Structures are given as C-alpha cells and as structure tokens.
C-alpha atoms as a PDB file:
ATOM      1  CA  MET A   1       2.580  15.679 -14.107  1.00  0.00           C
ATOM      2  CA  GLU A   2       4.913  16.255 -11.185  1.00  0.00           C
ATOM      3  CA  SER A   3       6.070  12.988  -9.743  1.00  0.00           C
ATOM      4  CA  GLY A   4       5.929  12.510  -5.985  1.00  0.00           C
ATOM      5  CA  PHE A   5       7.793   9.220  -6.144  1.00  0.00           C
ATOM      6  CA  CYS A   6      11.064   9.668  -4.336  1.00  0.00           C
ATOM      7  CA  SER A   7      13.754   7.034  -4.293  1.00  0.00           C
ATOM      8  CA  PRO A   8      13.521   4.947  -1.114  1.00  0.00           C
ATOM      9  CA  ARG A   9      16.654   4.662   1.006  1.00  0.00           C
ATOM     10  CA  THR A  10      18.574   2.021  -0.904  1.00  0.00           C
ATOM     11  CA  ASP A  11      20.990   1.335   1.958  1.00  0.00           C
ATOM     12  CA  ALA A  12      18.176  -0.112   4.083  1.00  0.00           C
ATOM     13  CA  PHE A  13      15.447  -0.954   1.558  1.00  0.00           C
ATOM     14  CA  PRO A  14      12.824  -2.239   2.076  1.00  0.00           C
ATOM     15  CA  ALA A  15      13.172  -1.434   5.786  1.00  0.00           C
ATOM     16  CA  GLY A  16      12.177   2.174   6.307  1.00  0.00           C
ATOM     17  CA  LEU A  17       9.639   2.121   3.476  1.00  0.00           C
ATOM     18  CA  ARG A  18       7.429   5.191   4.000  1.00  0.00           C
ATOM     19  CA  VAL A  19       3.778   4.147   4.014  1.00  0.00           C
ATOM     20  CA  LEU A  20       0.709   6.384   4.246  1.00  0.00           C
ATOM     21  CA  VAL A  21      -2.372   4.492   5.472  1.00  0.00           C
ATOM     22  CA  VAL A  22      -5.821   6.045   4.983  1.00  0.00           C
ATOM     23  CA  ASP A  23      -8.912   4.652   6.717  1.00  0.00           C
ATOM     24  CA  ASP A  24     -11.776   6.325   8.570  1.00  0.00           C
ATOM     25  CA  ASP A  25     -11.977   3.393  10.987  1.00  0.00           C
ATOM     26  CA  PRO A  26      -9.607   4.140  13.932  1.00  0.00           C
ATOM     27  CA  THR A  27      -9.489   0.474  14.910  1.00  0.00           C
ATOM     28  CA  TRP A  28      -8.206  -0.564  11.519  1.00  0.00           C
ATOM     29  CA  LEU A  29      -5.729   2.300  11.453  1.00  0.00           C
ATOM     30  CA  LYS A  30      -4.177   1.042  14.689  1.00  0.00           C
ATOM     31  CA  ILE A  31      -4.135  -2.557  13.476  1.00  0.00           C
ATOM     32  CA  LEU A  32      -2.485  -1.710  10.161  1.00  0.00           C
ATOM     33  CA  GLU A  33       0.007   0.651  11.761  1.00  0.00           C
ATOM     34  CA  LYS A  34       1.107  -2.048  14.208  1.00  0.00           C
ATOM     35  CA  MET A  35       1.429  -4.680  11.465  1.00  0.00           C
ATOM     36  CA  LEU A  36       3.367  -2.384   9.135  1.00  0.00           C
ATOM     37  CA  ARG A  37       5.748  -1.336  11.891  1.00  0.00           C
ATOM     38  CA  LYS A  38       6.479  -5.012  12.502  1.00  0.00           C
ATOM     39  CA  CYS A  39       7.664  -5.047   8.887  1.00  0.00           C
ATOM     40  CA  SER A  40      10.137  -2.267   9.743  1.00  0.00           C
ATOM     41  CA  TYR A  41       8.205   0.284   7.690  1.00  0.00           C
ATOM     42  CA  GLU A  42       7.745   3.950   8.586  1.00  0.00           C
ATOM     43  CA  VAL A  43       3.998   4.499   8.961  1.00  0.00           C
ATOM     44  CA  THR A  44       1.825   7.597   8.830  1.00  0.00           C
ATOM     45  CA  THR A  45      -1.922   7.234   9.365  1.00  0.00           C
ATOM     46  CA  CYS A  46      -4.787   9.465   8.312  1.00  0.00           C
ATOM     47  CA  CYS A  47      -8.521   9.086   8.958  1.00  0.00           C
ATOM     48  CA  LEU A  48      -9.794  11.321   6.137  1.00  0.00           C
ATOM     49  CA  ALA A  49      -9.024  11.019   2.435  1.00  0.00           C
ATOM     50  CA  ARG A  50      -8.972  14.795   1.892  1.00  0.00           C
ATOM     51  CA  ASP A  51      -6.486  15.252   4.719  1.00  0.00           C
ATOM     52  CA  ALA A  52      -4.348  12.474   3.221  1.00  0.00           C
ATOM     53  CA  LEU A  53      -4.399  14.197  -0.171  1.00  0.00           C
ATOM     54  CA  ASN A  54      -3.357  17.509   1.386  1.00  0.00           C
ATOM     55  CA  MET A  55      -0.562  15.740   3.242  1.00  0.00           C
ATOM     56  CA  LEU A  56       0.668  14.157   0.018  1.00  0.00           C
ATOM     57  CA  ARG A  57       0.616  17.528  -1.727  1.00  0.00           C
ATOM     58  CA  GLU A  58       2.522  19.235   1.079  1.00  0.00           C
ATOM     59  CA  ARG A  59       5.108  16.465   1.440  1.00  0.00           C
ATOM     60  CA  LYS A  60       5.866  15.779  -2.197  1.00  0.00           C
ATOM     61  CA  ASP A  61       8.711  13.381  -1.480  1.00  0.00           C
ATOM     62  CA  GLY A  62       7.480  12.170   1.885  1.00  0.00           C
ATOM     63  CA  PHE A  63       6.006   8.777   0.985  1.00  0.00           C
ATOM     64  CA  ASP A  64       6.851   5.712  -1.078  1.00  0.00           C
ATOM     65  CA  ILE A  65       3.409   4.050  -1.195  1.00  0.00           C
ATOM     66  CA  VAL A  66      -0.216   4.662  -0.142  1.00  0.00           C
ATOM     67  CA  ILE A  67      -2.680   2.136   1.302  1.00  0.00           C
ATOM     68  CA  SER A  68      -6.266   3.382   1.266  1.00  0.00           C
ATOM     69  CA  ASP A  69      -9.643   1.989   2.246  1.00  0.00           C
ATOM     70  CA  VAL A  70     -12.294   2.220  -0.449  1.00  0.00           C
ATOM     71  CA  ASN A  71     -15.254   3.371   1.664  1.00  0.00           C
ATOM     72  CA  MET A  72     -14.695   6.703   3.386  1.00  0.00           C
ATOM     73  CA  PRO A  73     -17.150   9.502   4.211  1.00  0.00           C
ATOM     74  CA  ASP A  74     -15.448  12.582   2.757  1.00  0.00           C
ATOM     75  CA  MET A  75     -13.969  11.112  -0.446  1.00  0.00           C
ATOM     76  CA  ASP A  76     -13.994   7.488  -1.542  1.00  0.00           C
ATOM     77  CA  GLY A  77     -10.751   5.648  -2.065  1.00  0.00           C
ATOM     78  CA  PHE A  78     -11.181   5.526  -5.831  1.00  0.00           C
ATOM     79  CA  LYS A  79     -11.255   9.331  -6.019  1.00  0.00           C
ATOM     80  CA  LEU A  80      -8.175   9.548  -3.829  1.00  0.00           C
ATOM     81  CA  LEU A  81      -6.500   6.974  -6.067  1.00  0.00           C
ATOM     82  CA  GLU A  82      -7.322   9.107  -9.106  1.00  0.00           C
ATOM     83  CA  HIS A  83      -5.823  12.253  -7.550  1.00  0.00           C
ATOM     84  CA  VAL A  84      -2.672  10.451  -6.442  1.00  0.00           C
ATOM     85  CA  GLY A  85      -2.205   8.953  -9.896  1.00  0.00           C
ATOM     86  CA  LEU A  86      -2.563  12.324 -11.607  1.00  0.00           C
ATOM     87  CA  GLU A  87      -0.588  14.465  -9.161  1.00  0.00           C
ATOM     88  CA  MET A  88       2.026  12.240  -7.499  1.00  0.00           C
ATOM     89  CA  ASP A  89       2.241   9.027  -9.511  1.00  0.00           C
ATOM     90  CA  LEU A  90       2.748   6.965  -6.353  1.00  0.00           C
ATOM     91  CA  PRO A  91       1.845   3.266  -6.110  1.00  0.00           C
ATOM     92  CA  VAL A  92      -1.525   2.931  -4.347  1.00  0.00           C
ATOM     93  CA  ILE A  93      -3.003  -0.200  -2.757  1.00  0.00           C
ATOM     94  CA  MET A  94      -6.755  -0.307  -2.194  1.00  0.00           C
ATOM     95  CA  MET A  95      -8.367  -2.317   0.602  1.00  0.00           C
ATOM     96  CA  SER A  96     -11.924  -3.175   1.560  1.00  0.00           C
ATOM     97  CA  VAL A  97     -14.109  -5.760   3.284  1.00  0.00           C
ATOM     98  CA  ASP A  98     -15.944  -6.046  -0.050  1.00  0.00           C
ATOM     99  CA  GLY A  99     -14.269  -8.447  -2.473  1.00  0.00           C
ATOM    100  CA  GLU A 100     -16.899  -8.126  -5.204  1.00  0.00           C
ATOM    101  CA  THR A 101     -15.229  -8.571  -8.575  1.00  0.00           C
ATOM    102  CA  SER A 102     -16.652  -5.338  -9.994  1.00  0.00           C
ATOM    103  CA  ARG A 103     -15.110  -3.312  -7.178  1.00  0.00           C
ATOM    104  CA  VAL A 104     -11.756  -5.029  -7.538  1.00  0.00           C
ATOM    105  CA  MET A 105     -11.788  -4.333 -11.275  1.00  0.00           C
ATOM    106  CA  LYS A 106     -12.741  -0.703 -10.646  1.00  0.00           C
ATOM    107  CA  GLY A 107      -9.683  -0.351  -8.454  1.00  0.00           C
ATOM    108  CA  VAL A 108      -7.466  -1.879 -11.126  1.00  0.00           C
ATOM    109  CA  GLN A 109      -8.954   0.336 -13.824  1.00  0.00           C
ATOM    110  CA  HIS A 110      -8.323   3.418 -11.696  1.00  0.00           C
ATOM    111  CA  GLY A 111      -4.667   2.440 -11.385  1.00  0.00           C
ATOM    112  CA  ALA A 112      -4.408   0.527  -8.099  1.00  0.00           C
ATOM    113  CA  CYS A 113      -1.329  -1.686  -7.921  1.00  0.00           C
ATOM    114  CA  ASP A 114      -3.139  -4.137  -5.627  1.00  0.00           C
ATOM    115  CA  TYR A 115      -6.498  -4.708  -3.916  1.00  0.00           C
ATOM    116  CA  LEU A 116      -6.440  -6.273  -0.463  1.00  0.00           C
ATOM    117  CA  LEU A 117      -9.360  -7.711   1.448  1.00  0.00           C
ATOM    118  CA  LYS A 118      -9.851  -7.132   5.138  1.00  0.00           C
ATOM    119  CA  PRO A 119      -8.772  -8.763   7.317  1.00  0.00           C
ATOM    120  CA  VAL A 120      -5.373  -8.108   5.772  1.00  0.00           C
ATOM    121  CA  LEU A 121      -2.620 -10.704   6.171  1.00  0.00           C
ATOM    122  CA  MET A 122       0.835  -9.866   7.485  1.00  0.00           C
ATOM    123  CA  LYS A 123       2.419 -11.498   4.446  1.00  0.00           C
ATOM    124  CA  GLN A 124       0.510  -9.157   2.132  1.00  0.00           C
ATOM    125  CA  LEU A 125       1.748  -6.100   3.990  1.00  0.00           C
ATOM    126  CA  LYS A 126       5.305  -7.371   4.174  1.00  0.00           C
ATOM    127  CA  ASN A 127       5.360  -7.713   0.385  1.00  0.00           C
ATOM    128  CA  ILE A 128       4.183  -4.184  -0.476  1.00  0.00           C
ATOM    129  CA  TRP A 129       7.807  -3.168  -1.086  1.00  0.00           C
ATOM    130  CA  GLN A 130       7.606  -5.095  -4.351  1.00  0.00           C
ATOM    131  CA  HIS A 131       5.219  -2.515  -5.809  1.00  0.00           C
ATOM    132  CA  VAL A 132       7.666   0.251  -4.924  1.00  0.00           C
ATOM    133  CA  LEU A 133      10.547  -1.630  -6.526  1.00  0.00           C
ATOM    134  CA  ARG A 134       8.504  -2.331  -9.649  1.00  0.00           C
ATOM    135  CA  LYS A 135       7.711   1.375  -9.911  1.00  0.00           C
ATOM    136  CA  LYS A 136      11.374   2.223  -9.590  1.00  0.00           C
ATOM    137  CA  MET A 137      12.309  -0.377 -12.212  1.00  0.00           C
ATOM    138  CA  ASN A 138       9.790   1.083 -14.665  1.00  0.00           C
ATOM    139  CA  GLU A 139      11.218   4.540 -14.069  1.00  0.00           C
ATOM    140  CA  GLY A 140      14.720   3.135 -14.544  1.00  0.00           C
ATOM    141  CA  LYS A 141      13.754   1.842 -17.983  1.00  0.00           C
ATOM    142  CA  ASP A 142      12.669   5.335 -18.928  1.00  0.00           C
ATOM    143  CA  VAL A 143      15.796   6.993 -17.564  1.00  0.00           C
ATOM    144  CA  GLU A 144      18.243   4.293 -18.680  1.00  0.00           C
ATOM    145  CA  SER A 145      21.048   5.827 -16.641  1.00  0.00           C
ATOM    146  CA  TYR A 146      23.849   3.933 -14.941  1.00  0.00           C
ATOM    147  CA  GLU A 147      23.113   5.591 -11.597  1.00  0.00           C
ATOM    148  CA  SER A 148      19.423   4.656 -11.579  1.00  0.00           C
ATOM    149  CA  MET A 149      20.158   1.059 -12.578  1.00  0.00           C
ATOM    150  CA  ARG A 150      22.834   0.746  -9.886  1.00  0.00           C
ATOM    151  CA  GLU A 151      20.311   2.042  -7.354  1.00  0.00           C
ATOM    152  CA  ILE A 152      17.746  -0.509  -8.515  1.00  0.00           C
ATOM    153  CA  GLN A 153      20.247  -3.348  -8.245  1.00  0.00           C
ATOM    154  CA  MET A 154      21.062  -2.289  -4.676  1.00  0.00           C
ATOM    155  CA  MET A 155      17.348  -2.215  -3.828  1.00  0.00           C
ATOM    156  CA  ILE A 156      16.897  -5.704  -5.268  1.00  0.00           C
ATOM    157  CA  SER A 157      19.864  -6.989  -3.283  1.00  0.00           C
ATOM    158  CA  ARG A 158      18.538  -5.499  -0.046  1.00  0.00           C
ATOM    159  CA  SER A 159      15.025  -6.762  -0.697  1.00  0.00           C
ATOM    160  CA  ASP A 160      16.303 -10.318  -1.207  1.00  0.00           C
ATOM    161  CA  GLU A 161      17.912 -10.205   2.226  1.00  0.00           C
ATOM    162  CA  PHE A 162      14.748  -8.722   3.751  1.00  0.00           C
ATOM    163  CA  ASP A 163      12.267 -11.085   2.142  1.00  0.00           C
ATOM    164  CA  ASP A 164      14.283 -14.301   2.232  1.00  0.00           C
ATOM    165  CA  GLY A 165      14.763 -14.465  -1.540  1.00  0.00           C
ATOM    166  CA  HIS A 166      11.178 -13.995  -2.769  1.00  0.00           C
ATOM    167  CA  GLN A 167      11.137 -13.176  -6.465  1.00  0.00           C
ATOM    168  CA  LEU A 168       9.535  -9.994  -7.748  1.00  0.00           C
ATOM    169  CA  ASP A 169       8.472 -11.743 -10.938  1.00  0.00           C
ATOM    170  CA  GLY A 170       6.161 -13.977  -8.940  1.00  0.00           C
ATOM    171  CA  VAL A 171       4.056 -11.057  -7.743  1.00  0.00           C
ATOM    172  CA  GLU A 172       0.804 -10.372  -9.523  1.00  0.00           C
ATOM    173  CA  LEU A 173      -2.222  -8.298  -8.656  1.00  0.00           C
ATOM    174  CA  GLY A 174      -3.873 -11.505  -7.423  1.00  0.00           C
ATOM    175  CA  ALA A 175      -6.982  -9.923  -5.924  1.00  0.00           C
ATOM    176  CA  THR A 176      -9.111 -12.888  -6.975  1.00  0.00           C
ATOM    177  CA  ARG A 177      -6.684 -15.316  -5.381  1.00  0.00           C
ATOM    178  CA  LYS A 178      -6.646 -13.290  -2.167  1.00  0.00           C
ATOM    179  CA  ARG A 179     -10.428 -13.320  -2.122  1.00  0.00           C
ATOM    180  CA  LYS A 180     -10.473 -17.103  -2.430  1.00  0.00           C
ATOM    181  CA  ASP A 181      -7.895 -17.371   0.360  1.00  0.00           C
ATOM    182  CA  VAL A 182     -10.186 -15.425   2.648  1.00  0.00           C
ATOM    183  CA  GLU A 183     -13.205 -17.499   1.690  1.00  0.00           C
ATOM    184  CA  ASN A 184     -11.308 -20.744   2.255  1.00  0.00           C
ATOM    185  CA  GLY A 185     -10.242 -19.595   5.696  1.00  0.00           C
ATOM    186  CA  ARG A 186      -6.498 -19.801   5.102  1.00  0.00           C
ATOM    187  CA  HIS A 187      -5.510 -17.147   7.640  1.00  0.00           C
ATOM    188  CA  ASP A 188      -2.526 -16.539   9.872  1.00  0.00           C
ATOM    189  CA  ASP A 189      -4.056 -16.650  13.347  1.00  0.00           C
ATOM    190  CA  GLN A 190      -1.694 -14.128  14.812  1.00  0.00           C
ATOM    191  CA  ASP A 191      -2.270 -11.589  12.070  1.00  0.00           C
ATOM    192  CA  LEU A 192      -6.037 -11.676  11.616  1.00  0.00           C
ATOM    193  CA  VAL A 193      -8.706  -9.636  13.253  1.00  0.00           C
ATOM    194  CA  ASP A 194     -12.384 -10.538  13.132  1.00  0.00           C
ATOM    195  CA  PRO A 195     -13.935  -7.802  10.956  1.00  0.00           C
ATOM    196  CA  SER A 196     -17.084  -8.059  13.086  1.00  0.00           C
ATOM    197  CA  THR A 197     -15.117  -6.475  15.934  1.00  0.00           C
ATOM    198  CA  SER A 198     -14.088  -3.509  13.805  1.00  0.00           C
ATOM    199  CA  LYS A 199     -17.366  -2.215  12.409  1.00  0.00           C
ATOM    200  CA  LYS A 200     -17.206   1.302  11.048  1.00  0.00           C
ATOM    201  CA  SER A 201     -17.746   3.592  14.003  1.00  0.00           C
ATOM    202  CA  HIS A 202     -17.145   7.287  14.195  1.00  0.00           C
ATOM    203  CA  SER A 203     -17.804   7.670  17.899  1.00  0.00           C
ATOM    204  CA  GLY A 204     -14.715   9.049  19.627  1.00  0.00           C
ATOM    205  CA  LEU A 205     -12.859   9.463  16.339  1.00  0.00           C
ATOM    206  CA  VAL A 206     -10.180  12.111  16.648  1.00  0.00           C
ATOM    207  CA  CYS A 207      -8.734  13.431  13.432  1.00  0.00           C
END
C-alpha cells in the first residue's frame, strides 16, 4: 500500500493542516469550510465522493486528513473511507445527521478515526489535528528514527501552543458522548446551524 500521509508542516502545526471536506450538500460545505478556516486550516471542498477520491489519487501528498459525509449520491462515505484506507492510509473522519449506534460502529469498523454528528461543533473541528498527530506518532513507532521522533516532538510542542495545552491522551473516538451532547442540547450558539435549514438539496449545485 502506498501511503498518502505526508508530514504536516511542523514549523506551524497544527495551523495549515490540509483538510479535504466531502459533502454533496453545498450549504454544509460552505459552513464547514468557514469553520475550518477559522481554525487556521487549509481547506479543500468537494461535492462528490468519486471526485474526492480522484483528487486524493492525483495529489498523493496533498492532504493531511479527510472529513466525509456518510450519505452521498455517487458513492457513500463508507466506500470512500475504504478506498482511502487501502490506497492512501490517511485519517478519515465521518459525519452524518444520523447518530444511530449501528452506523457509528460501521464507521469505526471501516477505519474511521472519528464520527461527528451534524451540526458539528467548532471545538470538534479544532481538535482534528490530534488524529493527524496520532497517525504520525504511530508511524514514528514503526520508523523509530531520530529525525521522525524529533519531528513529532516539534508537532506536539506546536500543538500545545495552538490548543492551549489540551492533552492528546484525553482524546477518544467518543461518538456516543458526542451524540449525547447533541441530544442534551449542549451547543455553542455561534457555531451551530439548525440542520432543518440545510436539508439535502441538489438544486443549483455546481460541481
């Protein structure tokens, strides 16, 4: 398997994290792009899963992480997740308005590093760098080289400054907890969008 996971820029990490967002809903694409840019991430959006897969294949070292909706017309997010895992080995986060346990578990079983429920919180997006760092740390254990470990330490140092000292060890998949947070109504007012205003609509969609 040829890895598509390229080392993020350690001098600025996690700022500049290269994120590919895939969703057939143009409203959600705009919302997520705006939120991710507020996190100082570099964002590329795509409205079709097949186009996203082709983009990933053409730009082997062009992205650090993928965020994909589950329900899409041309290829569902689970299939995209499977292709990315086999061909690029990039961390992939799934998202959906459906928090049913079976769907969350399906995402986990297919290799998703997280499963987010819409509406997505700003805090959840800000913390996606942790999945990239974890991936790099796992690769570092395999390589066991001084250079890779020094790079990881620099990334950790930069991420502490960026995220105000949040610990990587405290991050878990937590999809069930996120689902309960949504149900209990613990939302950040400035970061939430009523999902009823962003129903799937393909009218005027330009891809």
